[in-house]
Amino acid sequence: MAAKGRVLSGIQPTHDSFHLGNYVGALRQWVALQKDFDAFYCIVDLHALTVEPEPAALRRRTLASAAQLIALGIDPEKSTLFVQSHVPAHNQVAWVLECLTGFGEASRMTQFKDKSQKSGTDRTVVGLFTYPILQAADILIYQANQVPVGEDQRQHIELTRDLAQRFNSKFGNVFTIPEGYILKAGAKINDLQEPTAKMSKSATSPNGIIEIMDKPEVNLKKIKSAVTDTGKEIIFDEKNKPGVSNLLTIYTALTEKSISEAENEFNGKGYGDFKSAVGEVVVEFLRPIQNKANELLVDQSYLSQVLKVGADKANAVAEKTLKDVYDAIGIVPRA
């Protein structure tokens, strides 16, 4: 075990760009955690297969995800950054855990319930049913103490803990029992077109999402077209002025000013000036991130080396856990 606590978190490469909500809600805290923890950050390409992949897009997005994570501040010298499929033990331990998981237990997982009710069980893939167990394996093979997650992921941490405790009680203490490191309730970035809904790739319109890799003029246009209201005051009031409040949240999250400072700054100004200022802050914040990510994608040799080193480090830890798991349950080792 590492001298300092170990954290593990992952993100799916399902799109060409992360969005601002990903950064402010989670990735910014990943960057902070690498200073105090032995951090393992994983691009979970196997989880992305629960939606039928377009092969060229999956390859492109996996590398784009790695480039953006580095550009956003994940330091390969401080963190282990790797691709999930480069570590075979994820699937090997997941199968062992699946054989310890009750059918009813898996059926109660929220995402499967929601999607199968919408699409019908015949159109819902088995991978969506079992993916929380693969997620548990992702965590447990690295003996992570802490798993940084949002409040909506608490159920997954509970399943992971239950499976680890069940295995340990039956076969001996192999797995570290992880704690959910519930990410600080920081700024929640909402959709620009539906400002009462969280910014998400599943949004009805792409115009509501600030993509980290979008061209400056595209993001400026989106912000200038953001839904506000018929009033004139630039004040934070989520109930009555959700659009203005969301823009204030974005502005303060990127400038590190307080809400009251921002309200004073825009006191007496119109919505047009306000949106232009928010747009300028977003564009200037994203510019160096975009430049760095694009540099890494133009010459992928450094990126490939980072992911190779990360996979080597991840495999060294995961294979030790896999050996302990197989020994505990009686799998005969290969000669």
C-alpha atoms as a PDB file:
ATOM      1  CA  MET A   1       0.000   0.000   0.000  1.00  0.00           C
ATOM      2  CA  ALA A   2       1.113   3.520  -0.705  1.00  0.00           C
ATOM      3  CA  ALA A   3       2.427   5.587   2.213  1.00  0.00           C
ATOM      4  CA  LYS A   4      -0.215   8.206   1.484  1.00  0.00           C
ATOM      5  CA  GLY A   5      -3.797   7.281   0.710  1.00  0.00           C
ATOM      6  CA  ARG A   6      -4.664   6.165  -2.795  1.00  0.00           C
ATOM      7  CA  VAL A   7      -7.499   7.605  -4.865  1.00  0.00           C
ATOM      8  CA  LEU A   8      -8.990   6.116  -8.020  1.00  0.00           C
ATOM      9  CA  SER A   9     -11.376   7.771 -10.424  1.00  0.00           C
ATOM     10  CA  GLY A  10     -12.304   7.339 -14.063  1.00  0.00           C
ATOM     11  CA  ILE A  11     -13.988   9.151 -16.919  1.00  0.00           C
ATOM     12  CA  GLN A  12     -15.534   7.772 -20.098  1.00  0.00           C
ATOM     13  CA  PRO A  13     -14.197   8.778 -23.540  1.00  0.00           C
ATOM     14  CA  THR A  14     -17.669   9.098 -25.024  1.00  0.00           C
ATOM     15  CA  HIS A  15     -17.222  12.517 -26.678  1.00  0.00           C
ATOM     16  CA  ASP A  16     -14.534  14.519 -28.450  1.00  0.00           C
ATOM     17  CA  SER A  17     -14.487  17.098 -25.667  1.00  0.00           C
ATOM     18  CA  PHE A  18     -15.172  17.334 -21.969  1.00  0.00           C
ATOM     19  CA  HIS A  19     -17.467  20.194 -21.026  1.00  0.00           C
ATOM     20  CA  LEU A  20     -17.107  22.965 -18.481  1.00  0.00           C
ATOM     21  CA  GLY A  21     -19.397  21.163 -16.034  1.00  0.00           C
ATOM     22  CA  ASN A  22     -17.020  18.151 -16.035  1.00  0.00           C
ATOM     23  CA  TYR A  23     -14.112  20.410 -15.171  1.00  0.00           C
ATOM     24  CA  VAL A  24     -15.723  22.504 -12.446  1.00  0.00           C
ATOM     25  CA  GLY A  25     -17.702  19.592 -10.970  1.00  0.00           C
ATOM     26  CA  ALA A  26     -14.982  16.929 -10.865  1.00  0.00           C
ATOM     27  CA  LEU A  27     -11.785  17.312 -12.882  1.00  0.00           C
ATOM     28  CA  ARG A  28     -10.636  20.452 -11.090  1.00  0.00           C
ATOM     29  CA  GLN A  29     -10.755  18.465  -7.847  1.00  0.00           C
ATOM     30  CA  TRP A  30      -8.871  15.567  -9.445  1.00  0.00           C
ATOM     31  CA  VAL A  31      -6.055  18.029 -10.075  1.00  0.00           C
ATOM     32  CA  ALA A  32      -6.095  19.151  -6.422  1.00  0.00           C
ATOM     33  CA  LEU A  33      -6.195  15.576  -5.062  1.00  0.00           C
ATOM     34  CA  GLN A  34      -3.002  14.509  -6.851  1.00  0.00           C
ATOM     35  CA  LYS A  35      -1.021  16.746  -4.496  1.00  0.00           C
ATOM     36  CA  ASP A  36      -2.067  14.831  -1.377  1.00  0.00           C
ATOM     37  CA  PHE A  37      -2.832  11.320  -2.657  1.00  0.00           C
ATOM     38  CA  ASP A  38      -1.309   8.555  -4.728  1.00  0.00           C
ATOM     39  CA  ALA A  39      -3.757   9.236  -7.572  1.00  0.00           C
ATOM     40  CA  PHE A  40      -4.807   6.706 -10.223  1.00  0.00           C
ATOM     41  CA  TYR A  41      -6.883   8.275 -13.015  1.00  0.00           C
ATOM     42  CA  CYS A  42      -8.363   6.008 -15.634  1.00  0.00           C
ATOM     43  CA  ILE A  43      -9.926   6.583 -19.057  1.00  0.00           C
ATOM     44  CA  VAL A  44     -12.625   3.926 -18.853  1.00  0.00           C
ATOM     45  CA  ASP A  45     -12.944   2.881 -22.490  1.00  0.00           C
ATOM     46  CA  LEU A  46     -14.523  -0.472 -21.600  1.00  0.00           C
ATOM     47  CA  HIS A  47     -17.412   1.292 -19.866  1.00  0.00           C
ATOM     48  CA  ALA A  48     -17.954   3.313 -23.040  1.00  0.00           C
ATOM     49  CA  LEU A  49     -18.881   0.071 -24.852  1.00  0.00           C
ATOM     50  CA  THR A  50     -22.300  -0.005 -23.154  1.00  0.00           C
ATOM     51  CA  VAL A  51     -23.294   2.340 -25.998  1.00  0.00           C
ATOM     52  CA  GLU A  52     -22.476   0.734 -29.366  1.00  0.00           C
ATOM     53  CA  PRO A  53     -19.136   2.292 -30.365  1.00  0.00           C
ATOM     54  CA  GLU A  54     -17.996   3.762 -33.642  1.00  0.00           C
ATOM     55  CA  PRO A  55     -14.442   2.328 -33.655  1.00  0.00           C
ATOM     56  CA  ALA A  56     -12.595   5.316 -35.158  1.00  0.00           C
ATOM     57  CA  ALA A  57     -14.413   7.694 -32.799  1.00  0.00           C
ATOM     58  CA  LEU A  58     -13.587   5.582 -29.730  1.00  0.00           C
ATOM     59  CA  ARG A  59      -9.871   5.563 -30.624  1.00  0.00           C
ATOM     60  CA  ARG A  60      -9.864   9.313 -31.261  1.00  0.00           C
ATOM     61  CA  ARG A  61     -11.811  10.137 -28.112  1.00  0.00           C
ATOM     62  CA  THR A  62      -9.637   7.964 -25.878  1.00  0.00           C
ATOM     63  CA  LEU A  63      -6.525   9.896 -26.911  1.00  0.00           C
ATOM     64  CA  ALA A  64      -8.409  13.207 -26.816  1.00  0.00           C
ATOM     65  CA  SER A  65      -9.489  12.452 -23.239  1.00  0.00           C
ATOM     66  CA  ALA A  66      -5.905  11.794 -22.178  1.00  0.00           C
ATOM     67  CA  ALA A  67      -4.709  15.006 -23.856  1.00  0.00           C
ATOM     68  CA  GLN A  68      -7.430  17.083 -22.191  1.00  0.00           C
ATOM     69  CA  LEU A  69      -6.778  15.598 -18.746  1.00  0.00           C
ATOM     70  CA  ILE A  70      -3.096  16.538 -19.005  1.00  0.00           C
ATOM     71  CA  ALA A  71      -3.968  19.986 -20.367  1.00  0.00           C
ATOM     72  CA  LEU A  72      -6.396  20.541 -17.473  1.00  0.00           C
ATOM     73  CA  GLY A  73      -3.651  19.834 -14.934  1.00  0.00           C
ATOM     74  CA  ILE A  74      -3.329  16.079 -14.391  1.00  0.00           C
ATOM     75  CA  ASP A  75       0.439  15.680 -14.026  1.00  0.00           C
ATOM     76  CA  PRO A  76       1.791  12.275 -15.158  1.00  0.00           C
ATOM     77  CA  GLU A  77       4.724  12.807 -12.765  1.00  0.00           C
ATOM     78  CA  LYS A  78       2.308  12.981  -9.807  1.00  0.00           C
ATOM     79  CA  SER A  79      -0.535  10.735 -10.992  1.00  0.00           C
ATOM     80  CA  THR A  80      -0.893   7.394 -12.733  1.00  0.00           C
ATOM     81  CA  LEU A  81      -2.870   8.144 -15.909  1.00  0.00           C
ATOM     82  CA  PHE A  82      -3.860   5.117 -17.979  1.00  0.00           C
ATOM     83  CA  VAL A  83      -6.474   3.471 -20.205  1.00  0.00           C
ATOM     84  CA  GLN A  84      -8.709   0.867 -18.568  1.00  0.00           C
ATOM     85  CA  SER A  85      -8.413  -1.733 -21.361  1.00  0.00           C
ATOM     86  CA  HIS A  86      -4.595  -1.680 -21.027  1.00  0.00           C
ATOM     87  CA  VAL A  87      -4.983  -3.468 -17.677  1.00  0.00           C
ATOM     88  CA  PRO A  88      -6.550  -6.949 -18.191  1.00  0.00           C
ATOM     89  CA  ALA A  89      -7.142  -7.437 -14.443  1.00  0.00           C
ATOM     90  CA  HIS A  90     -10.165  -5.111 -14.598  1.00  0.00           C
ATOM     91  CA  ASN A  91     -12.188  -7.739 -16.436  1.00  0.00           C
ATOM     92  CA  GLN A  92     -10.641 -10.694 -14.631  1.00  0.00           C
ATOM     93  CA  VAL A  93     -11.553  -9.400 -11.168  1.00  0.00           C
ATOM     94  CA  ALA A  94     -14.930  -8.144 -12.426  1.00  0.00           C
ATOM     95  CA  TRP A  95     -15.894 -11.740 -13.319  1.00  0.00           C
ATOM     96  CA  VAL A  96     -15.027 -12.946  -9.810  1.00  0.00           C
ATOM     97  CA  LEU A  97     -17.152 -10.127  -8.329  1.00  0.00           C
ATOM     98  CA  GLU A  98     -20.041 -10.866 -10.716  1.00  0.00           C
ATOM     99  CA  CYS A  99     -20.108 -14.386  -9.299  1.00  0.00           C
ATOM    100  CA  LEU A 100     -20.603 -12.868  -5.825  1.00  0.00           C
ATOM    101  CA  THR A 101     -23.298 -10.373  -6.844  1.00  0.00           C
ATOM    102  CA  GLY A 102     -26.987 -11.163  -6.479  1.00  0.00           C
ATOM    103  CA  PHE A 103     -29.250 -10.652  -9.492  1.00  0.00           C
ATOM    104  CA  GLY A 104     -31.627  -8.512  -7.446  1.00  0.00           C
ATOM    105  CA  GLU A 105     -28.709  -6.489  -6.108  1.00  0.00           C
ATOM    106  CA  ALA A 106     -27.546  -5.665  -9.633  1.00  0.00           C
ATOM    107  CA  SER A 107     -31.124  -4.974 -10.802  1.00  0.00           C
ATOM    108  CA  ARG A 108     -31.540  -2.246  -8.206  1.00  0.00           C
ATOM    109  CA  MET A 109     -28.702  -0.107  -9.569  1.00  0.00           C
ATOM    110  CA  THR A 110     -30.273   3.174 -10.601  1.00  0.00           C
ATOM    111  CA  GLN A 111     -28.787   3.638 -14.075  1.00  0.00           C
ATOM    112  CA  PHE A 112     -29.805   0.164 -15.243  1.00  0.00           C
ATOM    113  CA  LYS A 113     -33.301   0.607 -13.820  1.00  0.00           C
ATOM    114  CA  ASP A 114     -33.752   3.997 -15.492  1.00  0.00           C
ATOM    115  CA  LYS A 115     -32.418   2.998 -18.907  1.00  0.00           C
ATOM    116  CA  SER A 116     -34.111  -0.387 -19.059  1.00  0.00           C
ATOM    117  CA  GLN A 117     -37.442   1.202 -18.141  1.00  0.00           C
ATOM    118  CA  LYS A 118     -37.000   3.757 -20.926  1.00  0.00           C
ATOM    119  CA  SER A 119     -35.724   1.360 -23.605  1.00  0.00           C
ATOM    120  CA  GLY A 120     -37.207  -1.952 -22.471  1.00  0.00           C
ATOM    121  CA  THR A 121     -35.150  -4.920 -21.302  1.00  0.00           C
ATOM    122  CA  ASP A 122     -34.861  -6.417 -24.809  1.00  0.00           C
ATOM    123  CA  ARG A 123     -33.067  -3.297 -26.027  1.00  0.00           C
ATOM    124  CA  THR A 124     -30.850  -2.877 -22.942  1.00  0.00           C
ATOM    125  CA  VAL A 125     -27.440  -4.555 -23.196  1.00  0.00           C
ATOM    126  CA  VAL A 126     -26.147  -6.933 -20.533  1.00  0.00           C
ATOM    127  CA  GLY A 127     -23.057  -4.717 -20.203  1.00  0.00           C
ATOM    128  CA  LEU A 128     -25.210  -1.951 -18.735  1.00  0.00           C
ATOM    129  CA  PHE A 129     -26.505  -4.445 -16.160  1.00  0.00           C
ATOM    130  CA  THR A 130     -23.037  -5.613 -15.117  1.00  0.00           C
ATOM    131  CA  TYR A 131     -21.075  -2.381 -15.533  1.00  0.00           C
ATOM    132  CA  PRO A 132     -21.414  -1.346 -11.831  1.00  0.00           C
ATOM    133  CA  ILE A 133     -19.578  -4.575 -10.995  1.00  0.00           C
ATOM    134  CA  LEU A 134     -16.804  -3.729 -13.460  1.00  0.00           C
ATOM    135  CA  GLN A 135     -16.730  -0.313 -11.803  1.00  0.00           C
ATOM    136  CA  ALA A 136     -16.268  -2.032  -8.437  1.00  0.00           C
ATOM    137  CA  ALA A 137     -13.364  -4.025  -9.896  1.00  0.00           C
ATOM    138  CA  ASP A 138     -11.850  -0.793 -11.265  1.00  0.00           C
ATOM    139  CA  ILE A 139     -11.658   0.491  -7.705  1.00  0.00           C
ATOM    140  CA  LEU A 140     -10.765  -2.653  -5.796  1.00  0.00           C
ATOM    141  CA  ILE A 141      -7.851  -3.868  -7.935  1.00  0.00           C
ATOM    142  CA  TYR A 142      -5.905  -0.719  -7.007  1.00  0.00           C
ATOM    143  CA  GLN A 143      -6.626  -1.054  -3.278  1.00  0.00           C
ATOM    144  CA  ALA A 144      -7.958   2.515  -3.326  1.00  0.00           C
ATOM    145  CA  ASN A 145      -8.785   4.069   0.056  1.00  0.00           C
ATOM    146  CA  GLN A 146     -10.799   6.924  -1.424  1.00  0.00           C
ATOM    147  CA  VAL A 147     -12.925   7.270  -4.539  1.00  0.00           C
ATOM    148  CA  PRO A 148     -13.773  10.847  -5.525  1.00  0.00           C
ATOM    149  CA  VAL A 149     -17.400  10.838  -6.686  1.00  0.00           C
ATOM    150  CA  GLY A 150     -20.409  13.087  -6.862  1.00  0.00           C
ATOM    151  CA  GLU A 151     -23.413  12.518  -4.622  1.00  0.00           C
ATOM    152  CA  ASP A 152     -25.174  10.670  -7.474  1.00  0.00           C
ATOM    153  CA  GLN A 153     -22.472   7.966  -7.421  1.00  0.00           C
ATOM    154  CA  ARG A 154     -22.902   7.056  -3.757  1.00  0.00           C
ATOM    155  CA  GLN A 155     -24.876   3.901  -4.672  1.00  0.00           C
ATOM    156  CA  HIS A 156     -21.917   2.599  -6.705  1.00  0.00           C
ATOM    157  CA  ILE A 157     -19.543   3.069  -3.786  1.00  0.00           C
ATOM    158  CA  GLU A 158     -21.924   1.189  -1.503  1.00  0.00           C
ATOM    159  CA  LEU A 159     -22.033  -1.751  -3.950  1.00  0.00           C
ATOM    160  CA  THR A 160     -18.223  -1.731  -4.172  1.00  0.00           C
ATOM    161  CA  ARG A 161     -17.902  -1.769  -0.389  1.00  0.00           C
ATOM    162  CA  ASP A 162     -20.494  -4.553  -0.067  1.00  0.00           C
ATOM    163  CA  LEU A 163     -18.700  -6.746  -2.621  1.00  0.00           C
ATOM    164  CA  ALA A 164     -15.288  -6.144  -1.045  1.00  0.00           C
ATOM    165  CA  GLN A 165     -16.597  -7.002   2.436  1.00  0.00           C
ATOM    166  CA  ARG A 166     -18.400 -10.090   1.103  1.00  0.00           C
ATOM    167  CA  PHE A 167     -15.252 -11.352  -0.611  1.00  0.00           C
ATOM    168  CA  ASN A 168     -13.071 -10.641   2.419  1.00  0.00           C
ATOM    169  CA  SER A 169     -15.465 -12.388   4.815  1.00  0.00           C
ATOM    170  CA  LYS A 170     -15.590 -15.515   2.617  1.00  0.00           C
ATOM    171  CA  PHE A 171     -12.000 -15.754   1.399  1.00  0.00           C
ATOM    172  CA  GLY A 172      -9.785 -13.588   3.618  1.00  0.00           C
ATOM    173  CA  ASN A 173      -8.756  -9.939   3.671  1.00  0.00           C
ATOM    174  CA  VAL A 174      -7.696  -9.246   0.100  1.00  0.00           C
ATOM    175  CA  PHE A 175      -9.445  -5.961  -0.707  1.00  0.00           C
ATOM    176  CA  THR A 176      -9.105  -2.547   0.910  1.00  0.00           C
ATOM    177  CA  ILE A 177     -12.604  -1.278   1.770  1.00  0.00           C
ATOM    178  CA  PRO A 178     -12.827   2.086  -0.015  1.00  0.00           C
ATOM    179  CA  GLU A 179     -14.556   5.204   1.240  1.00  0.00           C
ATOM    180  CA  GLY A 180     -16.449   7.538  -1.024  1.00  0.00           C
ATOM    181  CA  TYR A 181     -14.625  10.856  -1.174  1.00  0.00           C
ATOM    182  CA  ILE A 182     -17.720  12.922  -1.890  1.00  0.00           C
ATOM    183  CA  LEU A 183     -16.528  15.865  -3.941  1.00  0.00           C
ATOM    184  CA  LYS A 184     -17.072  19.242  -2.348  1.00  0.00           C
ATOM    185  CA  ALA A 185     -20.349  20.773  -3.369  1.00  0.00           C
ATOM    186  CA  GLY A 186     -18.630  23.372  -5.479  1.00  0.00           C
ATOM    187  CA  ALA A 187     -20.090  25.342  -8.322  1.00  0.00           C
ATOM    188  CA  LYS A 188     -22.722  23.421 -10.263  1.00  0.00           C
ATOM    189  CA  ILE A 189     -22.709  24.483 -13.902  1.00  0.00           C
ATOM    190  CA  ASN A 190     -26.093  24.267 -15.606  1.00  0.00           C
ATOM    191  CA  ASP A 191     -27.197  24.139 -19.224  1.00  0.00           C
ATOM    192  CA  LEU A 192     -27.093  27.519 -20.987  1.00  0.00           C
ATOM    193  CA  GLN A 193     -30.433  26.859 -22.710  1.00  0.00           C
ATOM    194  CA  GLU A 194     -32.130  25.059 -19.808  1.00  0.00           C
ATOM    195  CA  PRO A 195     -30.549  26.734 -16.780  1.00  0.00           C
ATOM    196  CA  THR A 196     -32.493  24.653 -14.253  1.00  0.00           C
ATOM    197  CA  ALA A 197     -30.859  21.449 -15.602  1.00  0.00           C
ATOM    198  CA  LYS A 198     -27.258  20.315 -15.070  1.00  0.00           C
ATOM    199  CA  MET A 199     -24.903  20.796 -18.048  1.00  0.00           C
ATOM    200  CA  SER A 200     -24.786  17.358 -19.632  1.00  0.00           C
ATOM    201  CA  LYS A 201     -23.956  15.671 -22.927  1.00  0.00           C
ATOM    202  CA  SER A 202     -27.472  14.227 -22.921  1.00  0.00           C
ATOM    203  CA  ALA A 203     -28.925  17.746 -23.254  1.00  0.00           C
ATOM    204  CA  THR A 204     -31.593  18.353 -25.863  1.00  0.00           C
ATOM    205  CA  SER A 205     -29.485  21.052 -27.565  1.00  0.00           C
ATOM    206  CA  PRO A 206     -25.698  21.288 -28.005  1.00  0.00           C
ATOM    207  CA  ASN A 207     -26.073  25.069 -27.655  1.00  0.00           C
ATOM    208  CA  GLY A 208     -26.432  24.652 -23.903  1.00  0.00           C
ATOM    209  CA  ILE A 209     -23.014  23.015 -23.435  1.00  0.00           C
ATOM    210  CA  ILE A 210     -19.657  24.799 -23.183  1.00  0.00           C
ATOM    211  CA  GLU A 211     -17.225  22.337 -24.755  1.00  0.00           C
ATOM    212  CA  ILE A 212     -13.659  22.636 -23.528  1.00  0.00           C
ATOM    213  CA  MET A 213     -12.311  22.068 -27.053  1.00  0.00           C
ATOM    214  CA  ASP A 214     -14.810  24.211 -28.989  1.00  0.00           C
ATOM    215  CA  LYS A 215     -13.452  27.172 -30.962  1.00  0.00           C
ATOM    216  CA  PRO A 216     -13.576  30.487 -29.056  1.00  0.00           C
ATOM    217  CA  GLU A 217     -16.168  31.980 -31.393  1.00  0.00           C
ATOM    218  CA  VAL A 218     -18.450  28.974 -30.891  1.00  0.00           C
ATOM    219  CA  ASN A 219     -18.390  29.233 -27.088  1.00  0.00           C
ATOM    220  CA  LEU A 220     -18.789  33.031 -27.258  1.00  0.00           C
ATOM    221  CA  LYS A 221     -21.888  32.614 -29.418  1.00  0.00           C
ATOM    222  CA  LYS A 222     -23.344  30.025 -27.027  1.00  0.00           C
ATOM    223  CA  ILE A 223     -22.857  32.309 -24.030  1.00  0.00           C
ATOM    224  CA  LYS A 224     -24.302  35.323 -25.821  1.00  0.00           C
ATOM    225  CA  SER A 225     -27.332  33.176 -26.730  1.00  0.00           C
ATOM    226  CA  ALA A 226     -27.748  31.867 -23.160  1.00  0.00           C
ATOM    227  CA  VAL A 227     -31.277  32.012 -21.757  1.00  0.00           C
ATOM    228  CA  THR A 228     -31.721  34.785 -19.183  1.00  0.00           C
ATOM    229  CA  ASP A 229     -35.031  36.539 -18.336  1.00  0.00           C
ATOM    230  CA  THR A 230     -36.994  39.701 -19.035  1.00  0.00           C
ATOM    231  CA  GLY A 231     -35.544  41.604 -16.077  1.00  0.00           C
ATOM    232  CA  LYS A 232     -32.461  43.805 -15.949  1.00  0.00           C
ATOM    233  CA  GLU A 233     -30.750  43.102 -12.619  1.00  0.00           C
ATOM    234  CA  ILE A 234     -27.631  40.944 -12.554  1.00  0.00           C
ATOM    235  CA  ILE A 235     -28.109  39.198  -9.232  1.00  0.00           C
ATOM    236  CA  PHE A 236     -27.798  35.620  -8.009  1.00  0.00           C
ATOM    237  CA  ASP A 237     -31.316  34.215  -7.561  1.00  0.00           C
ATOM    238  CA  GLU A 238     -31.559  30.588  -8.694  1.00  0.00           C
ATOM    239  CA  LYS A 239     -35.331  30.425  -8.277  1.00  0.00           C
ATOM    240  CA  ASN A 240     -36.339  33.555 -10.163  1.00  0.00           C
ATOM    241  CA  LYS A 241     -33.258  34.191 -12.330  1.00  0.00           C
ATOM    242  CA  PRO A 242     -31.719  30.753 -13.063  1.00  0.00           C
ATOM    243  CA  GLY A 243     -30.074  31.836 -16.332  1.00  0.00           C
ATOM    244  CA  VAL A 244     -28.348  34.891 -14.846  1.00  0.00           C
ATOM    245  CA  SER A 245     -27.402  32.864 -11.755  1.00  0.00           C
ATOM    246  CA  ASN A 246     -25.815  30.178 -13.942  1.00  0.00           C
ATOM    247  CA  LEU A 247     -23.728  32.745 -15.823  1.00  0.00           C
ATOM    248  CA  LEU A 248     -22.628  34.262 -12.506  1.00  0.00           C
ATOM    249  CA  THR A 249     -21.633  30.777 -11.329  1.00  0.00           C
ATOM    250  CA  ILE A 250     -19.527  30.235 -14.453  1.00  0.00           C
ATOM    251  CA  TYR A 251     -17.912  33.663 -14.113  1.00  0.00           C
ATOM    252  CA  THR A 252     -17.014  33.231 -10.436  1.00  0.00           C
ATOM    253  CA  ALA A 253     -15.844  29.610 -10.873  1.00  0.00           C
ATOM    254  CA  LEU A 254     -13.258  30.701 -13.445  1.00  0.00           C
ATOM    255  CA  THR A 255     -12.209  34.040 -11.910  1.00  0.00           C
ATOM    256  CA  GLU A 256     -12.312  32.848  -8.260  1.00  0.00           C
ATOM    257  CA  LYS A 257     -14.284  35.970  -7.371  1.00  0.00           C
ATOM    258  CA  SER A 258     -17.189  35.739  -4.945  1.00  0.00           C
ATOM    259  CA  ILE A 259     -20.787  36.026  -6.119  1.00  0.00           C
ATOM    260  CA  SER A 260     -21.176  39.360  -4.295  1.00  0.00           C
ATOM    261  CA  GLU A 261     -18.015  40.716  -5.976  1.00  0.00           C
ATOM    262  CA  ALA A 262     -19.407  39.728  -9.375  1.00  0.00           C
ATOM    263  CA  GLU A 263     -22.814  41.259  -8.600  1.00  0.00           C
ATOM    264  CA  ASN A 264     -21.098  44.546  -7.658  1.00  0.00           C
ATOM    265  CA  GLU A 265     -18.938  44.439 -10.783  1.00  0.00           C
ATOM    266  CA  PHE A 266     -21.986  44.173 -13.058  1.00  0.00           C
ATOM    267  CA  ASN A 267     -24.262  46.465 -11.063  1.00  0.00           C
ATOM    268  CA  GLY A 268     -26.013  48.804 -13.503  1.00  0.00           C
ATOM    269  CA  LYS A 269     -24.753  46.964 -16.598  1.00  0.00           C
ATOM    270  CA  GLY A 270     -26.985  45.293 -19.166  1.00  0.00           C
ATOM    271  CA  TYR A 271     -27.258  41.610 -20.009  1.00  0.00           C
ATOM    272  CA  GLY A 272     -25.329  42.140 -23.264  1.00  0.00           C
ATOM    273  CA  ASP A 273     -22.257  43.508 -21.483  1.00  0.00           C
ATOM    274  CA  PHE A 274     -22.575  40.821 -18.809  1.00  0.00           C
ATOM    275  CA  LYS A 275     -22.684  37.964 -21.329  1.00  0.00           C
ATOM    276  CA  SER A 276     -19.735  39.424 -23.252  1.00  0.00           C
ATOM    277  CA  ALA A 277     -17.673  39.545 -20.046  1.00  0.00           C
ATOM    278  CA  VAL A 278     -18.577  35.943 -19.125  1.00  0.00           C
ATOM    279  CA  GLY A 279     -17.758  34.828 -22.669  1.00  0.00           C
ATOM    280  CA  GLU A 280     -14.371  36.549 -22.571  1.00  0.00           C
ATOM    281  CA  VAL A 281     -13.475  34.905 -19.258  1.00  0.00           C
ATOM    282  CA  VAL A 282     -14.456  31.455 -20.583  1.00  0.00           C
ATOM    283  CA  VAL A 283     -12.516  31.891 -23.829  1.00  0.00           C
ATOM    284  CA  GLU A 284      -9.353  33.106 -22.083  1.00  0.00           C
ATOM    285  CA  PHE A 285      -9.556  30.379 -19.463  1.00  0.00           C
ATOM    286  CA  LEU A 286      -9.901  27.652 -22.092  1.00  0.00           C
ATOM    287  CA  ARG A 287      -7.344  29.032 -24.576  1.00  0.00           C
ATOM    288  CA  PRO A 288      -4.158  27.578 -22.958  1.00  0.00           C
ATOM    289  CA  ILE A 289      -5.960  24.295 -22.222  1.00  0.00           C
ATOM    290  CA  GLN A 290      -7.013  23.955 -25.863  1.00  0.00           C
ATOM    291  CA  ASN A 291      -3.522  24.854 -27.082  1.00  0.00           C
ATOM    292  CA  LYS A 292      -1.880  22.254 -24.823  1.00  0.00           C
ATOM    293  CA  ALA A 293      -4.381  19.500 -25.714  1.00  0.00           C
ATOM    294  CA  ASN A 294      -4.024  20.189 -29.435  1.00  0.00           C
ATOM    295  CA  GLU A 295      -0.218  20.128 -29.161  1.00  0.00           C
ATOM    296  CA  LEU A 296      -0.383  16.705 -27.516  1.00  0.00           C
ATOM    297  CA  LEU A 297      -2.716  15.393 -30.211  1.00  0.00           C
ATOM    298  CA  VAL A 298      -0.555  16.673 -33.075  1.00  0.00           C
ATOM    299  CA  ASP A 299       2.483  14.746 -31.811  1.00  0.00           C
ATOM    300  CA  GLN A 300       1.069  11.709 -30.052  1.00  0.00           C
ATOM    301  CA  SER A 301       4.415  10.131 -29.139  1.00  0.00           C
ATOM    302  CA  TYR A 302       4.491  11.834 -25.711  1.00  0.00           C
ATOM    303  CA  LEU A 303       0.846  10.937 -25.086  1.00  0.00           C
ATOM    304  CA  SER A 304       1.461   7.298 -26.001  1.00  0.00           C
ATOM    305  CA  GLN A 305       4.485   7.177 -23.699  1.00  0.00           C
ATOM    306  CA  VAL A 306       2.519   8.669 -20.779  1.00  0.00           C
ATOM    307  CA  LEU A 307      -0.236   6.082 -21.242  1.00  0.00           C
ATOM    308  CA  LYS A 308       2.305   3.246 -21.536  1.00  0.00           C
ATOM    309  CA  VAL A 309       4.074   4.285 -18.319  1.00  0.00           C
ATOM    310  CA  GLY A 310       0.713   4.693 -16.603  1.00  0.00           C
ATOM    311  CA  ALA A 311      -0.461   1.259 -17.767  1.00  0.00           C
ATOM    312  CA  ASP A 312       2.797  -0.328 -16.563  1.00  0.00           C
ATOM    313  CA  LYS A 313       2.365   1.219 -13.101  1.00  0.00           C
ATOM    314  CA  ALA A 314      -1.337   0.300 -13.000  1.00  0.00           C
ATOM    315  CA  ASN A 315      -0.641  -3.293 -14.105  1.00  0.00           C
ATOM    316  CA  ALA A 316       1.993  -3.751 -11.398  1.00  0.00           C
ATOM    317  CA  VAL A 317      -0.594  -2.936  -8.713  1.00  0.00           C
ATOM    318  CA  ALA A 318      -3.549  -4.687 -10.386  1.00  0.00           C
ATOM    319  CA  GLU A 319      -1.693  -7.947 -11.080  1.00  0.00           C
ATOM    320  CA  LYS A 320      -0.674  -8.227  -7.428  1.00  0.00           C
ATOM    321  CA  THR A 321      -4.334  -7.877  -6.407  1.00  0.00           C
ATOM    322  CA  LEU A 322      -5.431 -10.354  -9.099  1.00  0.00           C
ATOM    323  CA  LYS A 323      -2.894 -12.919  -7.840  1.00  0.00           C
ATOM    324  CA  ASP A 324      -4.165 -12.486  -4.279  1.00  0.00           C
ATOM    325  CA  VAL A 325      -7.783 -12.847  -5.457  1.00  0.00           C
ATOM    326  CA  TYR A 326      -7.057 -16.009  -7.458  1.00  0.00           C
ATOM    327  CA  ASP A 327      -5.012 -17.516  -4.625  1.00  0.00           C
ATOM    328  CA  ALA A 328      -7.805 -16.809  -2.160  1.00  0.00           C
ATOM    329  CA  ILE A 329     -10.539 -18.487  -4.241  1.00  0.00           C
ATOM    330  CA  GLY A 330      -8.450 -21.476  -5.321  1.00  0.00           C
ATOM    331  CA  ILE A 331      -7.554 -20.719  -8.943  1.00  0.00           C
ATOM    332  CA  VAL A 332      -4.504 -22.803  -9.883  1.00  0.00           C
ATOM    333  CA  PRO A 333      -1.708 -20.461 -11.037  1.00  0.00           C
ATOM    334  CA  ARG A 334      -0.175 -20.899 -14.452  1.00  0.00           C
ATOM    335  CA  ALA A 335       3.153 -22.747 -14.239  1.00  0.00           C
END
